[in-house]
């Protein structure tokens, strides 16, 4: 089972990858939205913001997200690490219910370029 530190590191790596993106992916990464990522097996949530082509984690809280972020993710820590490392396809994980993504329709259309 991935640790909180490994999950935070995976989010940092994802943020770095977003920063280096080009074309349509870069446009999607440029969204300015509140974000939460609930790690279900650790029952911890990373809360932050997508801005400037990065994910800025501002807080880590116990339990589910305290506020409703504009983009909300939920998954296990192992799945987060596997997604960021390219070992797990986002489409397969989302389609099977291993990863949950909640966002507005416009944001989902933009995010599909990223994921």
PDB file of N, CA and C in Angstrom:
ATOM      1  N   UNK A   1       0.844  -1.173   0.000  1.00  0.00           N
ATOM      2  CA  UNK A   1       0.000   0.000   0.000  1.00  0.00           C
ATOM      3  C   UNK A   1       0.895   1.244   0.000  1.00  0.00           C
ATOM      4  N   UNK A   2       0.582   2.180  -0.910  1.00  0.00           N
ATOM      5  CA  UNK A   2       1.361   3.418  -1.011  1.00  0.00           C
ATOM      6  C   UNK A   2       1.170   4.260   0.245  1.00  0.00           C
ATOM      7  N   UNK A   3       2.213   4.961   0.626  1.00  0.00           N
ATOM      8  CA  UNK A   3       2.155   5.837   1.798  1.00  0.00           C
ATOM      9  C   UNK A   3       1.678   7.233   1.392  1.00  0.00           C
ATOM     10  N   UNK A   4       1.371   8.058   2.386  1.00  0.00           N
ATOM     11  CA  UNK A   4       0.981   9.444   2.119  1.00  0.00           C
ATOM     12  C   UNK A   4       2.107  10.161   1.377  1.00  0.00           C
ATOM     13  N   UNK A   5       3.347   9.917   1.781  1.00  0.00           N
ATOM     14  CA  UNK A   5       4.493  10.561   1.147  1.00  0.00           C
ATOM     15  C   UNK A   5       4.626  10.133  -0.315  1.00  0.00           C
ATOM     16  N   UNK A   6       4.406   8.858  -0.612  1.00  0.00           N
ATOM     17  CA  UNK A   6       4.467   8.384  -1.995  1.00  0.00           C
ATOM     18  C   UNK A   6       3.354   8.996  -2.837  1.00  0.00           C
ATOM     19  N   UNK A   7       2.189   9.158  -2.254  1.00  0.00           N
ATOM     20  CA  UNK A   7       1.064   9.777  -2.967  1.00  0.00           C
ATOM     21  C   UNK A   7       1.364  11.249  -3.241  1.00  0.00           C
ATOM     22  N   UNK A   8       1.895  11.928  -2.253  1.00  0.00           N
ATOM     23  CA  UNK A   8       2.246  13.340  -2.444  1.00  0.00           C
ATOM     24  C   UNK A   8       3.324  13.474  -3.519  1.00  0.00           C
ATOM     25  N   UNK A   9       4.286  12.582  -3.511  1.00  0.00           N
ATOM     26  CA  UNK A   9       5.336  12.586  -4.519  1.00  0.00           C
ATOM     27  C   UNK A   9       4.751  12.338  -5.912  1.00  0.00           C
ATOM     28  N   UNK A  10       3.786  11.431  -6.009  1.00  0.00           N
ATOM     29  CA  UNK A  10       3.133  11.152  -7.291  1.00  0.00           C
ATOM     30  C   UNK A  10       2.398  12.393  -7.795  1.00  0.00           C
ATOM     31  N   UNK A  11       1.724  13.123  -6.902  1.00  0.00           N
ATOM     32  CA  UNK A  11       1.044  14.350  -7.313  1.00  0.00           C
ATOM     33  C   UNK A  11       2.051  15.402  -7.779  1.00  0.00           C
ATOM     34  N   UNK A  12       3.183  15.483  -7.113  1.00  0.00           N
ATOM     35  CA  UNK A  12       4.235  16.415  -7.539  1.00  0.00           C
ATOM     36  C   UNK A  12       4.757  16.034  -8.930  1.00  0.00           C
ATOM     37  N   UNK A  13       4.932  14.739  -9.158  1.00  0.00           N
ATOM     38  CA  UNK A  13       5.407  14.267 -10.460  1.00  0.00           C
ATOM     39  C   UNK A  13       4.376  14.574 -11.540  1.00  0.00           C
ATOM     40  N   UNK A  14       3.084  14.364 -11.239  1.00  0.00           N
ATOM     41  CA  UNK A  14       2.021  14.692 -12.186  1.00  0.00           C
ATOM     42  C   UNK A  14       2.049  16.180 -12.510  1.00  0.00           C
ATOM     43  N   UNK A  15       2.237  16.994 -11.494  1.00  0.00           N
ATOM     44  CA  UNK A  15       2.316  18.442 -11.687  1.00  0.00           C
ATOM     45  C   UNK A  15       3.494  18.807 -12.590  1.00  0.00           C
ATOM     46  N   UNK A  16       4.642  18.180 -12.372  1.00  0.00           N
ATOM     47  CA  UNK A  16       5.813  18.426 -13.219  1.00  0.00           C
ATOM     48  C   UNK A  16       5.532  18.024 -14.664  1.00  0.00           C
ATOM     49  N   UNK A  17       4.862  16.885 -14.852  1.00  0.00           N
ATOM     50  CA  UNK A  17       4.515  16.423 -16.197  1.00  0.00           C
ATOM     51  C   UNK A  17       3.580  17.412 -16.884  1.00  0.00           C
ATOM     52  N   UNK A  18       2.618  17.942 -16.126  1.00  0.00           N
ATOM     53  CA  UNK A  18       1.686  18.920 -16.683  1.00  0.00           C
ATOM     54  C   UNK A  18       2.430  20.178 -17.107  1.00  0.00           C
ATOM     55  N   UNK A  19       3.400  20.586 -16.332  1.00  0.00           N
ATOM     56  CA  UNK A  19       4.161  21.802 -16.615  1.00  0.00           C
ATOM     57  C   UNK A  19       4.929  21.681 -17.937  1.00  0.00           C
ATOM     58  N   UNK A  20       5.369  20.466 -18.251  1.00  0.00           N
ATOM     59  CA  UNK A  20       6.141  20.240 -19.481  1.00  0.00           C
ATOM     60  C   UNK A  20       5.273  19.920 -20.696  1.00  0.00           C
ATOM     61  N   UNK A  21       3.966  19.811 -20.530  1.00  0.00           N
ATOM     62  CA  UNK A  21       3.063  19.421 -21.620  1.00  0.00           C
ATOM     63  C   UNK A  21       3.052  20.476 -22.727  1.00  0.00           C
ATOM     64  N   UNK A  22       2.670  20.026 -23.911  1.00  0.00           N
ATOM     65  CA  UNK A  22       2.589  20.921 -25.065  1.00  0.00           C
ATOM     66  C   UNK A  22       1.249  20.748 -25.770  1.00  0.00           C
ATOM     67  N   UNK A  23       0.891  21.684 -26.644  1.00  0.00           N
ATOM     68  CA  UNK A  23      -0.299  21.596 -27.474  1.00  0.00           C
ATOM     69  C   UNK A  23      -1.592  21.565 -26.677  1.00  0.00           C
ATOM     70  N   UNK A  24      -2.516  20.676 -27.092  1.00  0.00           N
ATOM     71  CA  UNK A  24      -3.834  20.556 -26.447  1.00  0.00           C
ATOM     72  C   UNK A  24      -3.712  20.173 -24.981  1.00  0.00           C
ATOM     73  N   UNK A  25      -2.724  19.344 -24.679  1.00  0.00           N
ATOM     74  CA  UNK A  25      -2.525  18.918 -23.292  1.00  0.00           C
ATOM     75  C   UNK A  25      -2.120  20.129 -22.449  1.00  0.00           C
ATOM     76  N   UNK A  26      -1.293  20.974 -22.992  1.00  0.00           N
ATOM     77  CA  UNK A  26      -0.870  22.192 -22.284  1.00  0.00           C
ATOM     78  C   UNK A  26      -2.072  23.096 -22.014  1.00  0.00           C
ATOM     79  N   UNK A  27      -2.978  23.215 -23.007  1.00  0.00           N
ATOM     80  CA  UNK A  27      -4.184  24.019 -22.826  1.00  0.00           C
ATOM     81  C   UNK A  27      -5.048  23.463 -21.699  1.00  0.00           C
ATOM     82  N   UNK A  28      -5.193  22.141 -21.655  1.00  0.00           N
ATOM     83  CA  UNK A  28      -5.991  21.511 -20.593  1.00  0.00           C
ATOM     84  C   UNK A  28      -5.336  21.711 -19.237  1.00  0.00           C
ATOM     85  N   UNK A  29      -4.015  21.641 -19.199  1.00  0.00           N
ATOM     86  CA  UNK A  29      -3.284  21.807 -17.940  1.00  0.00           C
ATOM     87  C   UNK A  29      -3.379  23.235 -17.421  1.00  0.00           C
ATOM     88  N   UNK A  30      -3.709  24.168 -18.293  1.00  0.00           N
ATOM     89  CA  UNK A  30      -3.762  25.578 -17.913  1.00  0.00           C
ATOM     90  C   UNK A  30      -5.077  25.960 -17.207  1.00  0.00           C
ATOM     91  N   UNK A  31      -5.955  25.005 -16.965  1.00  0.00           N
ATOM     92  CA  UNK A  31      -7.187  25.304 -16.233  1.00  0.00           C
ATOM     93  C   UNK A  31      -6.866  25.912 -14.873  1.00  0.00           C
ATOM     94  N   UNK A  32      -7.734  26.767 -14.400  1.00  0.00           N
ATOM     95  CA  UNK A  32      -7.603  27.329 -13.054  1.00  0.00           C
ATOM     96  C   UNK A  32      -8.823  26.854 -12.267  1.00  0.00           C
ATOM     97  N   UNK A  33      -8.636  25.765 -11.515  1.00  0.00           N
ATOM     98  CA  UNK A  33      -9.745  25.133 -10.802  1.00  0.00           C
ATOM     99  C   UNK A  33      -9.285  24.617  -9.446  1.00  0.00           C
ATOM    100  N   UNK A  34     -10.214  24.588  -8.497  1.00  0.00           N
ATOM    101  CA  UNK A  34      -9.933  23.924  -7.222  1.00  0.00           C
ATOM    102  C   UNK A  34      -9.939  22.416  -7.465  1.00  0.00           C
ATOM    103  N   UNK A  35      -9.065  21.703  -6.740  1.00  0.00           N
ATOM    104  CA  UNK A  35      -8.880  20.269  -6.949  1.00  0.00           C
ATOM    105  C   UNK A  35      -8.797  19.564  -5.607  1.00  0.00           C
ATOM    106  N   UNK A  36      -9.379  18.368  -5.543  1.00  0.00           N
ATOM    107  CA  UNK A  36      -9.160  17.495  -4.392  1.00  0.00           C
ATOM    108  C   UNK A  36      -8.900  16.084  -4.903  1.00  0.00           C
ATOM    109  N   UNK A  37      -8.026  15.383  -4.210  1.00  0.00           N
ATOM    110  CA  UNK A  37      -7.708  13.997  -4.543  1.00  0.00           C
ATOM    111  C   UNK A  37      -7.801  13.186  -3.261  1.00  0.00           C
ATOM    112  N   UNK A  38      -8.887  12.411  -3.141  1.00  0.00           N
ATOM    113  CA  UNK A  38      -9.111  11.592  -1.955  1.00  0.00           C
ATOM    114  C   UNK A  38      -8.459  10.231  -2.162  1.00  0.00           C
ATOM    115  N   UNK A  39      -7.540   9.886  -1.296  1.00  0.00           N
ATOM    116  CA  UNK A  39      -6.871   8.583  -1.336  1.00  0.00           C
ATOM    117  C   UNK A  39      -7.670   7.674  -0.402  1.00  0.00           C
ATOM    118  N   UNK A  40      -8.484   6.827  -1.002  1.00  0.00           N
ATOM    119  CA  UNK A  40      -9.498   6.083  -0.254  1.00  0.00           C
ATOM    120  C   UNK A  40      -8.927   5.107   0.760  1.00  0.00           C
ATOM    121  N   UNK A  41      -7.844   4.406   0.423  1.00  0.00           N
ATOM    122  CA  UNK A  41      -7.316   3.407   1.356  1.00  0.00           C
ATOM    123  C   UNK A  41      -6.592   4.039   2.540  1.00  0.00           C
ATOM    124  N   UNK A  42      -6.119   5.263   2.377  1.00  0.00           N
ATOM    125  CA  UNK A  42      -5.467   5.979   3.482  1.00  0.00           C
ATOM    126  C   UNK A  42      -6.430   6.937   4.175  1.00  0.00           C
ATOM    127  N   UNK A  43      -7.595   7.143   3.576  1.00  0.00           N
ATOM    128  CA  UNK A  43      -8.610   8.092   4.048  1.00  0.00           C
ATOM    129  C   UNK A  43      -7.996   9.466   4.320  1.00  0.00           C
ATOM    130  N   UNK A  44      -7.287   9.942   3.292  1.00  0.00           N
ATOM    131  CA  UNK A  44      -6.672  11.264   3.350  1.00  0.00           C
ATOM    132  C   UNK A  44      -6.978  11.966   2.028  1.00  0.00           C
ATOM    133  N   UNK A  45      -7.098  13.292   2.083  1.00  0.00           N
ATOM    134  CA  UNK A  45      -7.384  14.073   0.881  1.00  0.00           C
ATOM    135  C   UNK A  45      -6.354  15.175   0.709  1.00  0.00           C
ATOM    136  N   UNK A  46      -5.824  15.254  -0.501  1.00  0.00           N
ATOM    137  CA  UNK A  46      -4.952  16.353  -0.880  1.00  0.00           C
ATOM    138  C   UNK A  46      -5.843  17.421  -1.499  1.00  0.00           C
ATOM    139  N   UNK A  47      -5.750  18.632  -0.990  1.00  0.00           N
ATOM    140  CA  UNK A  47      -6.601  19.730  -1.435  1.00  0.00           C
ATOM    141  C   UNK A  47      -5.710  20.809  -2.031  1.00  0.00           C
ATOM    142  N   UNK A  48      -6.107  21.321  -3.181  1.00  0.00           N
ATOM    143  CA  UNK A  48      -5.289  22.350  -3.800  1.00  0.00           C
ATOM    144  C   UNK A  48      -5.958  22.993  -4.983  1.00  0.00           C
ATOM    145  N   UNK A  49      -5.140  23.382  -5.939  1.00  0.00           N
ATOM    146  CA  UNK A  49      -5.625  24.127  -7.091  1.00  0.00           C
ATOM    147  C   UNK A  49      -4.769  23.800  -8.317  1.00  0.00           C
ATOM    148  N   UNK A  50      -5.437  23.658  -9.462  1.00  0.00           N
ATOM    149  CA  UNK A  50      -4.745  23.614 -10.744  1.00  0.00           C
ATOM    150  C   UNK A  50      -4.606  25.056 -11.177  1.00  0.00           C
ATOM    151  N   UNK A  51      -3.382  25.495 -11.381  1.00  0.00           N
ATOM    152  CA  UNK A  51      -3.176  26.856 -11.859  1.00  0.00           C
ATOM    153  C   UNK A  51      -1.792  26.969 -12.474  1.00  0.00           C
ATOM    154  N   UNK A  52      -1.698  27.765 -13.504  1.00  0.00           N
ATOM    155  CA  UNK A  52      -0.408  27.971 -14.149  1.00  0.00           C
ATOM    156  C   UNK A  52       0.205  26.701 -14.701  1.00  0.00           C
ATOM    157  N   UNK A  53      -0.636  25.747 -15.106  1.00  0.00           N
ATOM    158  CA  UNK A  53      -0.131  24.498 -15.656  1.00  0.00           C
ATOM    159  C   UNK A  53       0.406  23.530 -14.626  1.00  0.00           C
ATOM    160  N   UNK A  54       0.081  23.749 -13.357  1.00  0.00           N
ATOM    161  CA  UNK A  54       0.561  22.881 -12.268  1.00  0.00           C
ATOM    162  C   UNK A  54      -0.586  22.538 -11.330  1.00  0.00           C
ATOM    163  N   UNK A  55      -0.354  21.554 -10.494  1.00  0.00           N
ATOM    164  CA  UNK A  55      -1.239  21.256  -9.374  1.00  0.00           C
ATOM    165  C   UNK A  55      -0.510  21.729  -8.122  1.00  0.00           C
ATOM    166  N   UNK A  56      -1.104  22.668  -7.430  1.00  0.00           N
ATOM    167  CA  UNK A  56      -0.516  23.201  -6.207  1.00  0.00           C
ATOM    168  C   UNK A  56      -1.295  22.616  -5.035  1.00  0.00           C
ATOM    169  N   UNK A  57      -0.671  21.705  -4.287  1.00  0.00           N
ATOM    170  CA  UNK A  57      -1.315  21.097  -3.118  1.00  0.00           C
ATOM    171  C   UNK A  57      -1.149  22.064  -1.953  1.00  0.00           C
ATOM    172  N   UNK A  58      -2.282  22.488  -1.404  1.00  0.00           N
ATOM    173  CA  UNK A  58      -2.235  23.474  -0.319  1.00  0.00           C
ATOM    174  C   UNK A  58      -2.419  22.856   1.060  1.00  0.00           C
ATOM    175  N   UNK A  59      -3.051  21.671   1.095  1.00  0.00           N
ATOM    176  CA  UNK A  59      -3.327  21.070   2.396  1.00  0.00           C
ATOM    177  C   UNK A  59      -3.546  19.573   2.227  1.00  0.00           C
ATOM    178  N   UNK A  60      -3.316  18.855   3.298  1.00  0.00           N
ATOM    179  CA  UNK A  60      -3.614  17.430   3.372  1.00  0.00           C
ATOM    180  C   UNK A  60      -4.494  17.251   4.596  1.00  0.00           C
ATOM    181  N   UNK A  61      -5.687  16.680   4.382  1.00  0.00           N
ATOM    182  CA  UNK A  61      -6.653  16.538   5.476  1.00  0.00           C
ATOM    183  C   UNK A  61      -7.070  15.084   5.629  1.00  0.00           C
ATOM    184  N   UNK A  62      -7.406  14.719   6.853  1.00  0.00           N
ATOM    185  CA  UNK A  62      -7.931  13.375   7.116  1.00  0.00           C
ATOM    186  C   UNK A  62      -9.364  13.301   6.600  1.00  0.00           C
ATOM    187  N   UNK A  63      -9.706  12.156   6.043  1.00  0.00           N
ATOM    188  CA  UNK A  63     -11.073  11.913   5.588  1.00  0.00           C
ATOM    189  C   UNK A  63     -11.330  12.461   4.204  1.00  0.00           C
ATOM    190  N   UNK A  64     -12.621  12.457   3.842  1.00  0.00           N
ATOM    191  CA  UNK A  64     -13.011  12.960   2.521  1.00  0.00           C
ATOM    192  C   UNK A  64     -12.815  14.475   2.443  1.00  0.00           C
ATOM    193  N   UNK A  65     -12.883  15.030   1.232  1.00  0.00           N
ATOM    194  CA  UNK A  65     -12.654  16.468   1.079  1.00  0.00           C
ATOM    195  C   UNK A  65     -13.625  17.286   1.925  1.00  0.00           C
ATOM    196  N   UNK A  66     -13.119  18.300   2.617  1.00  0.00           N
ATOM    197  CA  UNK A  66     -13.989  19.121   3.457  1.00  0.00           C
ATOM    198  C   UNK A  66     -14.909  20.024   2.642  1.00  0.00           C
ATOM    199  N   UNK A  67     -14.469  20.437   1.467  1.00  0.00           N
ATOM    200  CA  UNK A  67     -15.262  21.291   0.588  1.00  0.00           C
ATOM    201  C   UNK A  67     -15.347  20.636  -0.780  1.00  0.00           C
ATOM    202  N   UNK A  68     -16.352  21.026  -1.536  1.00  0.00           N
ATOM    203  CA  UNK A  68     -16.550  20.467  -2.872  1.00  0.00           C
ATOM    204  C   UNK A  68     -15.669  21.209  -3.877  1.00  0.00           C
ATOM    205  N   UNK A  69     -14.589  20.578  -4.280  1.00  0.00           N
ATOM    206  CA  UNK A  69     -13.694  21.164  -5.271  1.00  0.00           C
ATOM    207  C   UNK A  69     -14.333  21.082  -6.655  1.00  0.00           C
ATOM    208  N   UNK A  70     -13.874  21.927  -7.564  1.00  0.00           N
ATOM    209  CA  UNK A  70     -14.400  21.907  -8.930  1.00  0.00           C
ATOM    210  C   UNK A  70     -13.992  20.641  -9.672  1.00  0.00           C
ATOM    211  N   UNK A  71     -12.824  20.099  -9.347  1.00  0.00           N
ATOM    212  CA  UNK A  71     -12.371  18.825  -9.909  1.00  0.00           C
ATOM    213  C   UNK A  71     -12.054  17.915  -8.732  1.00  0.00           C
ATOM    214  N   UNK A  72     -12.751  16.769  -8.667  1.00  0.00           N
ATOM    215  CA  UNK A  72     -12.592  15.852  -7.547  1.00  0.00           C
ATOM    216  C   UNK A  72     -12.197  14.470  -8.056  1.00  0.00           C
ATOM    217  N   UNK A  73     -11.115  13.960  -7.501  1.00  0.00           N
ATOM    218  CA  UNK A  73     -10.635  12.615  -7.814  1.00  0.00           C
ATOM    219  C   UNK A  73     -10.691  11.760  -6.560  1.00  0.00           C
ATOM    220  N   UNK A  74     -10.913  10.467  -6.737  1.00  0.00           N
ATOM    221  CA  UNK A  74     -10.868   9.517  -5.627  1.00  0.00           C
ATOM    222  C   UNK A  74     -10.315   8.199  -6.161  1.00  0.00           C
ATOM    223  N   UNK A  75      -9.345   7.642  -5.432  1.00  0.00           N
ATOM    224  CA  UNK A  75      -8.717   6.383  -5.829  1.00  0.00           C
ATOM    225  C   UNK A  75      -7.844   5.888  -4.686  1.00  0.00           C
ATOM    226  N   UNK A  76      -7.310   4.694  -4.824  1.00  0.00           N
ATOM    227  CA  UNK A  76      -6.355   4.196  -3.830  1.00  0.00           C
ATOM    228  C   UNK A  76      -4.988   4.826  -4.099  1.00  0.00           C
ATOM    229  N   UNK A  77      -4.140   4.792  -3.105  1.00  0.00           N
ATOM    230  CA  UNK A  77      -2.788   5.313  -3.262  1.00  0.00           C
ATOM    231  C   UNK A  77      -1.995   4.551  -4.313  1.00  0.00           C
ATOM    232  N   UNK A  78      -2.136   3.223  -4.319  1.00  0.00           N
ATOM    233  CA  UNK A  78      -1.426   2.416  -5.312  1.00  0.00           C
ATOM    234  C   UNK A  78      -1.863   2.782  -6.729  1.00  0.00           C
ATOM    235  N   UNK A  79      -3.158   3.047  -6.920  1.00  0.00           N
ATOM    236  CA  UNK A  79      -3.639   3.426  -8.249  1.00  0.00           C
ATOM    237  C   UNK A  79      -3.112   4.799  -8.659  1.00  0.00           C
ATOM    238  N   UNK A  80      -3.030   5.734  -7.731  1.00  0.00           N
ATOM    239  CA  UNK A  80      -2.464   7.046  -8.042  1.00  0.00           C
ATOM    240  C   UNK A  80      -1.020   6.903  -8.512  1.00  0.00           C
ATOM    241  N   UNK A  81      -0.231   6.164  -7.768  1.00  0.00           N
ATOM    242  CA  UNK A  81       1.177   5.972  -8.124  1.00  0.00           C
ATOM    243  C   UNK A  81       1.291   5.270  -9.479  1.00  0.00           C
ATOM    244  N   UNK A  82       0.482   4.236  -9.712  1.00  0.00           N
ATOM    245  CA  UNK A  82       0.521   3.512 -10.979  1.00  0.00           C
ATOM    246  C   UNK A  82       0.089   4.396 -12.151  1.00  0.00           C
ATOM    247  N   UNK A  83      -0.918   5.237 -11.953  1.00  0.00           N
ATOM    248  CA  UNK A  83      -1.348   6.160 -13.015  1.00  0.00           C
ATOM    249  C   UNK A  83      -0.230   7.117 -13.399  1.00  0.00           C
ATOM    250  N   UNK A  84       0.376   7.724 -12.412  1.00  0.00           N
ATOM    251  CA  UNK A  84       1.427   8.716 -12.675  1.00  0.00           C
ATOM    252  C   UNK A  84       2.659   8.062 -13.285  1.00  0.00           C
ATOM    253  N   UNK A  85       2.955   6.837 -12.877  1.00  0.00           N
ATOM    254  CA  UNK A  85       4.115   6.126 -13.422  1.00  0.00           C
ATOM    255  C   UNK A  85       3.841   5.500 -14.791  1.00  0.00           C
ATOM    256  N   UNK A  86       2.612   5.614 -15.284  1.00  0.00           N
ATOM    257  CA  UNK A  86       2.265   5.071 -16.591  1.00  0.00           C
ATOM    258  C   UNK A  86       1.989   3.585 -16.600  1.00  0.00           C
ATOM    259  N   UNK A  87       1.829   2.994 -15.431  1.00  0.00           N
ATOM    260  CA  UNK A  87       1.576   1.561 -15.327  1.00  0.00           C
ATOM    261  C   UNK A  87       0.089   1.229 -15.368  1.00  0.00           C
ATOM    262  N   UNK A  88      -0.762   2.248 -15.255  1.00  0.00           N
ATOM    263  CA  UNK A  88      -2.218   2.063 -15.251  1.00  0.00           C
ATOM    264  C   UNK A  88      -2.829   3.092 -16.180  1.00  0.00           C
ATOM    265  N   UNK A  89      -3.674   2.630 -17.069  1.00  0.00           N
ATOM    266  CA  UNK A  89      -4.361   3.526 -18.002  1.00  0.00           C
ATOM    267  C   UNK A  89      -5.503   4.232 -17.280  1.00  0.00           C
ATOM    268  N   UNK A  90      -5.546   5.578 -17.404  1.00  0.00           N
ATOM    269  CA  UNK A  90      -6.623   6.320 -16.755  1.00  0.00           C
ATOM    270  C   UNK A  90      -7.977   5.864 -17.288  1.00  0.00           C
ATOM    271  N   UNK A  91      -8.103   5.696 -18.599  1.00  0.00           N
ATOM    272  CA  UNK A  91      -9.386   5.306 -19.198  1.00  0.00           C
ATOM    273  C   UNK A  91      -9.880   3.970 -18.630  1.00  0.00           C
ATOM    274  N   UNK A  92      -8.984   2.993 -18.532  1.00  0.00           N
ATOM    275  CA  UNK A  92      -9.368   1.688 -17.978  1.00  0.00           C
ATOM    276  C   UNK A  92      -9.751   1.805 -16.506  1.00  0.00           C
ATOM    277  N   UNK A  93      -8.951   2.542 -15.748  1.00  0.00           N
ATOM    278  CA  UNK A  93      -9.204   2.696 -14.317  1.00  0.00           C
ATOM    279  C   UNK A  93     -10.511   3.436 -14.068  1.00  0.00           C
ATOM    280  N   UNK A  94     -10.785   4.458 -14.856  1.00  0.00           N
ATOM    281  CA  UNK A  94     -12.026   5.226 -14.710  1.00  0.00           C
ATOM    282  C   UNK A  94     -13.215   4.378 -15.141  1.00  0.00           C
ATOM    283  N   UNK A  95     -13.068   3.689 -16.276  1.00  0.00           N
ATOM    284  CA  UNK A  95     -14.147   2.845 -16.790  1.00  0.00           C
ATOM    285  C   UNK A  95     -14.518   1.705 -15.849  1.00  0.00           C
ATOM    286  N   UNK A  96     -13.548   1.196 -15.118  1.00  0.00           N
ATOM    287  CA  UNK A  96     -13.811   0.082 -14.202  1.00  0.00           C
ATOM    288  C   UNK A  96     -14.233   0.556 -12.809  1.00  0.00           C
ATOM    289  N   UNK A  97     -14.174   1.870 -12.581  1.00  0.00           N
ATOM    290  CA  UNK A  97     -14.562   2.404 -11.278  1.00  0.00           C
ATOM    291  C   UNK A  97     -13.431   2.475 -10.266  1.00  0.00           C
ATOM    292  N   UNK A  98     -12.222   2.113 -10.675  1.00  0.00           N
ATOM    293  CA  UNK A  98     -11.081   2.201  -9.749  1.00  0.00           C
ATOM    294  C   UNK A  98     -10.716   3.648  -9.451  1.00  0.00           C
ATOM    295  N   UNK A  99     -10.975   4.516 -10.416  1.00  0.00           N
ATOM    296  CA  UNK A  99     -10.742   5.949 -10.252  1.00  0.00           C
ATOM    297  C   UNK A  99     -12.056   6.665 -10.474  1.00  0.00           C
ATOM    298  N   UNK A 100     -12.384   7.567  -9.575  1.00  0.00           N
ATOM    299  CA  UNK A 100     -13.592   8.365  -9.726  1.00  0.00           C
ATOM    300  C   UNK A 100     -13.173   9.801 -10.002  1.00  0.00           C
ATOM    301  N   UNK A 101     -13.796  10.405 -11.007  1.00  0.00           N
ATOM    302  CA  UNK A 101     -13.521  11.785 -11.390  1.00  0.00           C
ATOM    303  C   UNK A 101     -14.845  12.510 -11.494  1.00  0.00           C
ATOM    304  N   UNK A 102     -14.975  13.580 -10.737  1.00  0.00           N
ATOM    305  CA  UNK A 102     -16.176  14.411 -10.789  1.00  0.00           C
ATOM    306  C   UNK A 102     -15.761  15.830 -11.135  1.00  0.00           C
ATOM    307  N   UNK A 103     -16.393  16.373 -12.166  1.00  0.00           N
ATOM    308  CA  UNK A 103     -16.113  17.745 -12.597  1.00  0.00           C
ATOM    309  C   UNK A 103     -17.265  18.175 -13.498  1.00  0.00           C
ATOM    310  N   UNK A 104     -17.316  19.459 -13.780  1.00  0.00           N
ATOM    311  CA  UNK A 104     -18.303  19.970 -14.715  1.00  0.00           C
ATOM    312  C   UNK A 104     -18.034  19.440 -16.113  1.00  0.00           C
ATOM    313  N   UNK A 105     -19.049  19.470 -16.967  1.00  0.00           N
ATOM    314  CA  UNK A 105     -18.934  18.934 -18.319  1.00  0.00           C
ATOM    315  C   UNK A 105     -17.809  19.617 -19.099  1.00  0.00           C
ATOM    316  N   UNK A 106     -17.722  20.925 -19.028  1.00  0.00           N
ATOM    317  CA  UNK A 106     -16.657  21.639 -19.745  1.00  0.00           C
ATOM    318  C   UNK A 106     -15.275  21.207 -19.260  1.00  0.00           C
ATOM    319  N   UNK A 107     -15.143  21.064 -17.950  1.00  0.00           N
ATOM    320  CA  UNK A 107     -13.855  20.632 -17.395  1.00  0.00           C
ATOM    321  C   UNK A 107     -13.537  19.200 -17.817  1.00  0.00           C
ATOM    322  N   UNK A 108     -14.534  18.322 -17.819  1.00  0.00           N
ATOM    323  CA  UNK A 108     -14.300  16.942 -18.254  1.00  0.00           C
ATOM    324  C   UNK A 108     -13.805  16.896 -19.693  1.00  0.00           C
ATOM    325  N   UNK A 109     -14.371  17.733 -20.545  1.00  0.00           N
ATOM    326  CA  UNK A 109     -13.930  17.768 -21.942  1.00  0.00           C
ATOM    327  C   UNK A 109     -12.478  18.224 -22.054  1.00  0.00           C
ATOM    328  N   UNK A 110     -12.083  19.188 -21.249  1.00  0.00           N
ATOM    329  CA  UNK A 110     -10.693  19.634 -21.237  1.00  0.00           C
ATOM    330  C   UNK A 110      -9.773  18.577 -20.624  1.00  0.00           C
ATOM    331  N   UNK A 111     -10.219  17.990 -19.512  1.00  0.00           N
ATOM    332  CA  UNK A 111      -9.383  17.023 -18.797  1.00  0.00           C
ATOM    333  C   UNK A 111      -9.115  15.764 -19.598  1.00  0.00           C
ATOM    334  N   UNK A 112     -10.021  15.402 -20.489  1.00  0.00           N
ATOM    335  CA  UNK A 112      -9.789  14.177 -21.279  1.00  0.00           C
ATOM    336  C   UNK A 112      -8.524  14.298 -22.110  1.00  0.00           C
ATOM    337  N   UNK A 113      -8.143  15.526 -22.474  1.00  0.00           N
ATOM    338  CA  UNK A 113      -6.884  15.738 -23.202  1.00  0.00           C
ATOM    339  C   UNK A 113      -5.680  15.460 -22.312  1.00  0.00           C
ATOM    340  N   UNK A 114      -5.850  15.753 -21.032  1.00  0.00           N
ATOM    341  CA  UNK A 114      -4.770  15.550 -20.063  1.00  0.00           C
ATOM    342  C   UNK A 114      -4.602  14.095 -19.688  1.00  0.00           C
ATOM    343  N   UNK A 115      -5.722  13.424 -19.556  1.00  0.00           N
ATOM    344  CA  UNK A 115      -5.704  12.077 -18.997  1.00  0.00           C
ATOM    345  C   UNK A 115      -5.749  11.042 -20.097  1.00  0.00           C
TER     346      UNK A 115
END
